[in-house]
Amino acid sequence: MAHPYFGVFFLVVFTAIAFIATTTLSAFVGKKLAARETEKLKLSIYECGPETSLQPNKISAQFYLYALLFILFDVEIIFMFPWAVDFKILGMFGFIEMVTFIFLLAVGFVYAWKKGALEWHSMK
């Protein structure tokens, strides 16, 4: 008589074998079919554009900081919707918690503002 979890064991083993076989096969086929001289192609001029050169990234970290602050405050605001729906049920306790939450959110905003995170710096 077979064990009740034999099917699960069989699927786990079969999945592991299929995963290993697929990754090994794709690596082998990729090595055989890959172009060998791709560096010349990457550095060649494309249509009428300028000649490519290896330069460091010129994108300012200010874009990243703005995006990070936007997501931080956006997610924090999303937490206010469930509170607004259950405002009457939560009563004074929920109101005090939300005032504390908004206060901490404002402290974080003022901190970012005072640190200069919201000022736009020109790229030179």
N, C-alpha and C. Protein backbone atom coordinates (compact mmCIF):
# COMPACT_ATOMS: atom_id res chain seq x y z
N MET A 1 0.85 -1.18 0.00
CA MET A 1 0.00 0.00 0.00
C MET A 1 0.89 1.24 0.00
N ALA A 2 0.58 2.20 -0.84
CA ALA A 2 1.40 3.41 -1.00
C ALA A 2 1.13 4.39 0.14
N HIS A 3 2.15 5.14 0.45
CA HIS A 3 2.03 6.16 1.49
C HIS A 3 1.15 7.30 0.98
N PRO A 4 0.35 7.95 1.85
CA PRO A 4 -0.57 8.99 1.36
C PRO A 4 0.15 10.22 0.77
N TYR A 5 1.40 10.46 1.17
CA TYR A 5 2.14 11.61 0.66
C TYR A 5 3.12 11.25 -0.44
N PHE A 6 2.99 10.04 -1.01
CA PHE A 6 3.89 9.62 -2.08
C PHE A 6 3.77 10.52 -3.30
N GLY A 7 2.56 10.95 -3.64
CA GLY A 7 2.34 11.82 -4.79
C GLY A 7 3.04 13.17 -4.62
N VAL A 8 2.98 13.72 -3.42
CA VAL A 8 3.64 15.00 -3.16
C VAL A 8 5.15 14.83 -3.25
N PHE A 9 5.67 13.76 -2.68
CA PHE A 9 7.10 13.48 -2.76
C PHE A 9 7.54 13.34 -4.21
N PHE A 10 6.75 12.60 -4.99
CA PHE A 10 7.07 12.40 -6.40
C PHE A 10 7.10 13.73 -7.15
N LEU A 11 6.13 14.62 -6.91
CA LEU A 11 6.09 15.92 -7.58
C LEU A 11 7.27 16.80 -7.19
N VAL A 12 7.68 16.78 -5.93
CA VAL A 12 8.83 17.58 -5.49
C VAL A 12 10.10 17.09 -6.17
N VAL A 13 10.29 15.76 -6.20
CA VAL A 13 11.49 15.19 -6.83
C VAL A 13 11.46 15.46 -8.34
N PHE A 14 10.33 15.25 -8.98
CA PHE A 14 10.21 15.49 -10.41
C PHE A 14 10.46 16.97 -10.75
N THR A 15 9.93 17.89 -9.93
CA THR A 15 10.14 19.32 -10.16
C THR A 15 11.61 19.70 -10.01
N ALA A 16 12.28 19.15 -9.01
CA ALA A 16 13.70 19.44 -8.82
C ALA A 16 14.52 18.93 -10.00
N ILE A 17 14.24 17.74 -10.46
CA ILE A 17 14.96 17.18 -11.61
C ILE A 17 14.68 18.00 -12.86
N ALA A 18 13.42 18.38 -13.09
CA ALA A 18 13.07 19.17 -14.27
C ALA A 18 13.74 20.55 -14.22
N PHE A 19 13.81 21.15 -13.04
CA PHE A 19 14.46 22.46 -12.90
C PHE A 19 15.94 22.38 -13.22
N ILE A 20 16.61 21.39 -12.65
CA ILE A 20 18.05 21.22 -12.90
C ILE A 20 18.31 20.92 -14.37
N ALA A 21 17.50 20.07 -14.97
CA ALA A 21 17.68 19.73 -16.38
C ALA A 21 17.43 20.94 -17.28
N THR A 22 16.42 21.72 -16.98
CA THR A 22 16.10 22.90 -17.80
C THR A 22 17.20 23.95 -17.71
N THR A 23 17.68 24.25 -16.51
CA THR A 23 18.73 25.26 -16.39
C THR A 23 20.04 24.78 -17.01
N THR A 24 20.38 23.52 -16.86
CA THR A 24 21.61 22.99 -17.47
C THR A 24 21.50 23.02 -18.99
N LEU A 25 20.37 22.61 -19.53
CA LEU A 25 20.17 22.62 -20.97
C LEU A 25 20.19 24.04 -21.53
N SER A 26 19.55 24.98 -20.85
CA SER A 26 19.54 26.35 -21.36
C SER A 26 20.93 26.98 -21.30
N ALA A 27 21.70 26.68 -20.28
CA ALA A 27 23.07 27.19 -20.21
C ALA A 27 23.92 26.60 -21.33
N PHE A 28 23.77 25.32 -21.61
CA PHE A 28 24.53 24.66 -22.67
C PHE A 28 24.16 25.23 -24.04
N VAL A 29 22.87 25.35 -24.30
CA VAL A 29 22.42 25.88 -25.59
C VAL A 29 22.83 27.35 -25.73
N GLY A 30 22.75 28.11 -24.65
CA GLY A 30 23.14 29.52 -24.69
C GLY A 30 24.62 29.69 -25.02
N LYS A 31 25.46 28.84 -24.48
CA LYS A 31 26.90 28.92 -24.77
C LYS A 31 27.20 28.54 -26.21
N LYS A 32 26.46 27.58 -26.74
CA LYS A 32 26.71 27.13 -28.11
C LYS A 32 26.19 28.12 -29.14
N LEU A 33 25.09 28.79 -28.86
CA LEU A 33 24.48 29.67 -29.84
C LEU A 33 24.85 31.14 -29.67
N ALA A 34 25.52 31.49 -28.60
CA ALA A 34 25.84 32.90 -28.34
C ALA A 34 26.89 33.40 -29.31
N ALA A 35 26.75 34.68 -29.71
CA ALA A 35 27.74 35.31 -30.58
C ALA A 35 29.00 35.57 -29.77
N ARG A 36 30.13 35.38 -30.41
CA ARG A 36 31.41 35.52 -29.70
C ARG A 36 31.93 36.96 -29.70
N GLU A 37 31.66 37.71 -30.75
CA GLU A 37 32.21 39.06 -30.88
C GLU A 37 31.13 40.11 -30.65
N THR A 38 30.58 40.15 -29.45
CA THR A 38 29.51 41.11 -29.18
C THR A 38 30.06 42.45 -28.72
N GLU A 39 31.29 42.51 -28.23
CA GLU A 39 31.82 43.77 -27.73
C GLU A 39 31.98 44.79 -28.86
N LYS A 40 32.40 44.36 -30.02
CA LYS A 40 32.53 45.27 -31.16
C LYS A 40 31.16 45.82 -31.55
N LEU A 41 30.15 44.96 -31.50
CA LEU A 41 28.81 45.39 -31.86
C LEU A 41 28.27 46.40 -30.84
N LYS A 42 28.55 46.19 -29.57
CA LYS A 42 28.06 47.10 -28.54
C LYS A 42 28.71 48.47 -28.65
N LEU A 43 29.95 48.54 -29.09
CA LEU A 43 30.66 49.81 -29.18
C LEU A 43 30.57 50.46 -30.55
N SER A 44 29.86 49.82 -31.48
CA SER A 44 29.76 50.40 -32.82
C SER A 44 28.69 51.49 -32.84
N ILE A 45 28.75 52.37 -33.84
CA ILE A 45 27.80 53.46 -33.98
C ILE A 45 26.49 52.90 -34.50
N TYR A 46 25.41 53.28 -33.87
CA TYR A 46 24.09 52.81 -34.27
C TYR A 46 23.43 53.90 -35.11
N GLU A 47 23.11 53.59 -36.35
CA GLU A 47 22.52 54.51 -37.32
C GLU A 47 23.34 55.80 -37.36
N CYS A 48 22.75 56.95 -37.00
CA CYS A 48 23.47 58.21 -37.13
C CYS A 48 23.80 58.80 -35.76
N GLY A 49 23.73 58.00 -34.71
CA GLY A 49 23.98 58.51 -33.37
C GLY A 49 25.44 58.77 -33.11
N PRO A 50 25.74 59.36 -31.97
CA PRO A 50 27.14 59.65 -31.65
C PRO A 50 27.92 58.37 -31.35
N GLU A 51 29.19 58.44 -31.47
CA GLU A 51 30.03 57.29 -31.18
C GLU A 51 29.95 56.99 -29.69
N THR A 52 29.75 55.74 -29.38
CA THR A 52 29.60 55.37 -27.98
C THR A 52 30.94 55.38 -27.27
N SER A 53 30.91 55.72 -26.04
CA SER A 53 32.12 55.68 -25.21
C SER A 53 31.72 55.21 -23.82
N LEU A 54 32.64 54.62 -23.13
CA LEU A 54 32.37 54.11 -21.80
C LEU A 54 32.44 55.26 -20.81
N GLN A 55 31.28 55.70 -20.33
CA GLN A 55 31.19 56.80 -19.39
C GLN A 55 30.44 56.34 -18.16
N PRO A 56 30.73 56.96 -17.03
CA PRO A 56 29.97 56.61 -15.83
C PRO A 56 28.53 57.11 -15.95
N ASN A 57 27.69 56.56 -15.14
CA ASN A 57 26.29 56.95 -15.13
C ASN A 57 26.14 58.40 -14.69
N LYS A 58 25.40 59.19 -15.46
CA LYS A 58 25.23 60.61 -15.17
C LYS A 58 23.89 60.91 -14.50
N ILE A 59 23.13 59.90 -14.13
CA ILE A 59 21.83 60.13 -13.51
C ILE A 59 22.05 60.47 -12.04
N SER A 60 21.42 61.53 -11.62
CA SER A 60 21.59 62.00 -10.26
C SER A 60 20.86 61.09 -9.28
N ALA A 61 21.39 61.00 -8.09
CA ALA A 61 20.74 60.22 -7.03
C ALA A 61 19.50 60.94 -6.52
N GLN A 62 19.31 62.19 -6.90
CA GLN A 62 18.15 62.96 -6.48
C GLN A 62 16.86 62.31 -6.99
N PHE A 63 16.88 61.73 -8.20
CA PHE A 63 15.71 61.04 -8.72
C PHE A 63 15.33 59.87 -7.80
N TYR A 64 16.33 59.13 -7.37
CA TYR A 64 16.08 57.99 -6.48
C TYR A 64 15.51 58.47 -5.15
N LEU A 65 16.05 59.54 -4.62
CA LEU A 65 15.58 60.06 -3.34
C LEU A 65 14.14 60.54 -3.44
N TYR A 66 13.80 61.23 -4.51
CA TYR A 66 12.41 61.67 -4.71
C TYR A 66 11.47 60.48 -4.79
N ALA A 67 11.86 59.47 -5.55
CA ALA A 67 11.01 58.29 -5.69
C ALA A 67 10.85 57.57 -4.36
N LEU A 68 11.92 57.47 -3.60
CA LEU A 68 11.86 56.82 -2.30
C LEU A 68 10.94 57.57 -1.35
N LEU A 69 11.06 58.88 -1.30
CA LEU A 69 10.18 59.67 -0.43
C LEU A 69 8.74 59.60 -0.89
N PHE A 70 8.51 59.61 -2.21
CA PHE A 70 7.14 59.51 -2.70
C PHE A 70 6.51 58.19 -2.27
N ILE A 71 7.22 57.09 -2.46
CA ILE A 71 6.67 55.79 -2.09
C ILE A 71 6.46 55.70 -0.59
N LEU A 72 7.39 56.22 0.19
CA LEU A 72 7.26 56.20 1.64
C LEU A 72 5.99 56.91 2.08
N PHE A 73 5.80 58.14 1.64
CA PHE A 73 4.64 58.90 2.08
C PHE A 73 3.35 58.40 1.42
N ASP A 74 3.43 57.87 0.22
CA ASP A 74 2.26 57.32 -0.43
C ASP A 74 1.74 56.10 0.31
N VAL A 75 2.63 55.21 0.69
CA VAL A 75 2.22 54.02 1.44
C VAL A 75 1.69 54.41 2.82
N GLU A 76 2.28 55.42 3.42
CA GLU A 76 1.80 55.86 4.73
C GLU A 76 0.38 56.41 4.62
N ILE A 77 0.08 57.12 3.55
CA ILE A 77 -1.26 57.66 3.37
C ILE A 77 -2.28 56.55 3.14
N ILE A 78 -1.85 55.47 2.49
CA ILE A 78 -2.76 54.34 2.25
C ILE A 78 -3.25 53.75 3.56
N PHE A 79 -2.44 53.81 4.61
CA PHE A 79 -2.86 53.28 5.91
C PHE A 79 -3.99 54.09 6.53
N MET A 80 -4.26 55.27 6.02
CA MET A 80 -5.33 56.09 6.57
C MET A 80 -6.71 55.66 6.08
N PHE A 81 -6.81 54.97 4.95
CA PHE A 81 -8.11 54.58 4.41
C PHE A 81 -8.85 53.58 5.31
N PRO A 82 -8.22 52.52 5.79
CA PRO A 82 -8.96 51.63 6.70
C PRO A 82 -9.39 52.35 7.98
N TRP A 83 -8.57 53.26 8.45
CA TRP A 83 -8.94 54.03 9.64
C TRP A 83 -10.17 54.88 9.35
N ALA A 84 -10.23 55.52 8.19
CA ALA A 84 -11.37 56.37 7.85
C ALA A 84 -12.65 55.55 7.71
N VAL A 85 -12.54 54.32 7.23
CA VAL A 85 -13.73 53.48 7.09
C VAL A 85 -14.28 53.09 8.45
N ASP A 86 -13.41 52.76 9.40
CA ASP A 86 -13.83 52.33 10.74
C ASP A 86 -13.68 53.43 11.78
N PHE A 87 -13.79 54.67 11.36
CA PHE A 87 -13.56 55.79 12.28
C PHE A 87 -14.52 55.75 13.47
N LYS A 88 -15.80 55.51 13.23
CA LYS A 88 -16.79 55.52 14.32
C LYS A 88 -16.62 54.34 15.25
N ILE A 89 -16.19 53.20 14.71
CA ILE A 89 -16.02 52.00 15.54
C ILE A 89 -14.81 52.15 16.46
N LEU A 90 -13.73 52.74 15.95
CA LEU A 90 -12.50 52.86 16.73
C LEU A 90 -12.61 53.89 17.85
N GLY A 91 -13.42 54.90 17.66
CA GLY A 91 -13.67 55.89 18.70
C GLY A 91 -12.44 56.74 18.99
N MET A 92 -12.33 57.16 20.24
CA MET A 92 -11.26 58.06 20.66
C MET A 92 -9.89 57.39 20.58
N PHE A 93 -9.82 56.10 20.87
CA PHE A 93 -8.55 55.38 20.79
C PHE A 93 -7.98 55.43 19.36
N GLY A 94 -8.83 55.16 18.37
CA GLY A 94 -8.40 55.21 16.98
C GLY A 94 -8.01 56.61 16.56
N PHE A 95 -8.74 57.62 17.08
CA PHE A 95 -8.41 59.01 16.75
C PHE A 95 -7.04 59.39 17.30
N ILE A 96 -6.75 58.99 18.53
CA ILE A 96 -5.45 59.31 19.14
C ILE A 96 -4.33 58.60 18.40
N GLU A 97 -4.57 57.35 18.02
CA GLU A 97 -3.55 56.63 17.25
C GLU A 97 -3.28 57.29 15.90
N MET A 98 -4.32 57.76 15.22
CA MET A 98 -4.12 58.39 13.92
C MET A 98 -3.45 59.75 14.07
N VAL A 99 -3.76 60.48 15.10
CA VAL A 99 -3.08 61.75 15.34
C VAL A 99 -1.59 61.49 15.61
N THR A 100 -1.28 60.47 16.36
CA THR A 100 0.12 60.10 16.61
C THR A 100 0.80 59.70 15.29
N PHE A 101 0.11 58.92 14.49
CA PHE A 101 0.64 58.49 13.19
C PHE A 101 0.92 59.69 12.29
N ILE A 102 -0.02 60.63 12.21
CA ILE A 102 0.16 61.82 11.37
C ILE A 102 1.29 62.67 11.92
N PHE A 103 1.41 62.76 13.24
CA PHE A 103 2.50 63.52 13.84
C PHE A 103 3.86 62.92 13.46
N LEU A 104 3.99 61.60 13.56
CA LEU A 104 5.24 60.95 13.18
C LEU A 104 5.52 61.11 11.69
N LEU A 105 4.49 61.07 10.87
CA LEU A 105 4.64 61.30 9.44
C LEU A 105 5.12 62.73 9.18
N ALA A 106 4.57 63.68 9.88
CA ALA A 106 4.99 65.08 9.73
C ALA A 106 6.43 65.27 10.21
N VAL A 107 6.82 64.61 11.28
CA VAL A 107 8.20 64.70 11.76
C VAL A 107 9.16 64.17 10.70
N GLY A 108 8.82 63.06 10.07
CA GLY A 108 9.65 62.52 8.99
C GLY A 108 9.73 63.46 7.80
N PHE A 109 8.61 64.10 7.47
CA PHE A 109 8.60 65.05 6.36
C PHE A 109 9.47 66.27 6.67
N VAL A 110 9.35 66.79 7.86
CA VAL A 110 10.16 67.96 8.26
C VAL A 110 11.64 67.58 8.29
N TYR A 111 11.95 66.39 8.76
CA TYR A 111 13.34 65.93 8.78
C TYR A 111 13.92 65.87 7.36
N ALA A 112 13.15 65.29 6.43
CA ALA A 112 13.61 65.21 5.04
C ALA A 112 13.77 66.62 4.44
N TRP A 113 12.86 67.50 4.81
CA TRP A 113 12.91 68.86 4.30
C TRP A 113 14.14 69.60 4.83
N LYS A 114 14.40 69.48 6.13
CA LYS A 114 15.55 70.16 6.74
C LYS A 114 16.88 69.59 6.26
N LYS A 115 16.91 68.30 5.92
CA LYS A 115 18.14 67.68 5.40
C LYS A 115 18.40 68.07 3.95
N GLY A 116 17.45 68.73 3.31
CA GLY A 116 17.63 69.15 1.91
C GLY A 116 17.26 68.10 0.91
N ALA A 117 16.51 67.08 1.33
CA ALA A 117 16.15 66.00 0.41
C ALA A 117 15.14 66.45 -0.63
N LEU A 118 14.41 67.53 -0.37
CA LEU A 118 13.39 68.00 -1.30
C LEU A 118 13.88 69.14 -2.18
N GLU A 119 15.13 69.53 -2.03
CA GLU A 119 15.68 70.59 -2.88
C GLU A 119 16.26 69.97 -4.13
N TRP A 120 16.05 70.64 -5.25
CA TRP A 120 16.55 70.13 -6.51
C TRP A 120 17.92 70.70 -6.78
N HIS A 121 18.91 69.83 -6.95
CA HIS A 121 20.27 70.24 -7.21
C HIS A 121 20.54 70.11 -8.71
N SER A 122 21.16 71.12 -9.30
CA SER A 122 21.46 71.04 -10.73
C SER A 122 22.64 70.10 -10.96
N MET A 123 22.58 69.41 -12.10
CA MET A 123 23.66 68.49 -12.46
C MET A 123 24.75 69.25 -13.17
N LYS A 124 25.98 69.01 -12.78
CA LYS A 124 27.12 69.71 -13.41
C LYS A 124 28.00 68.72 -14.11
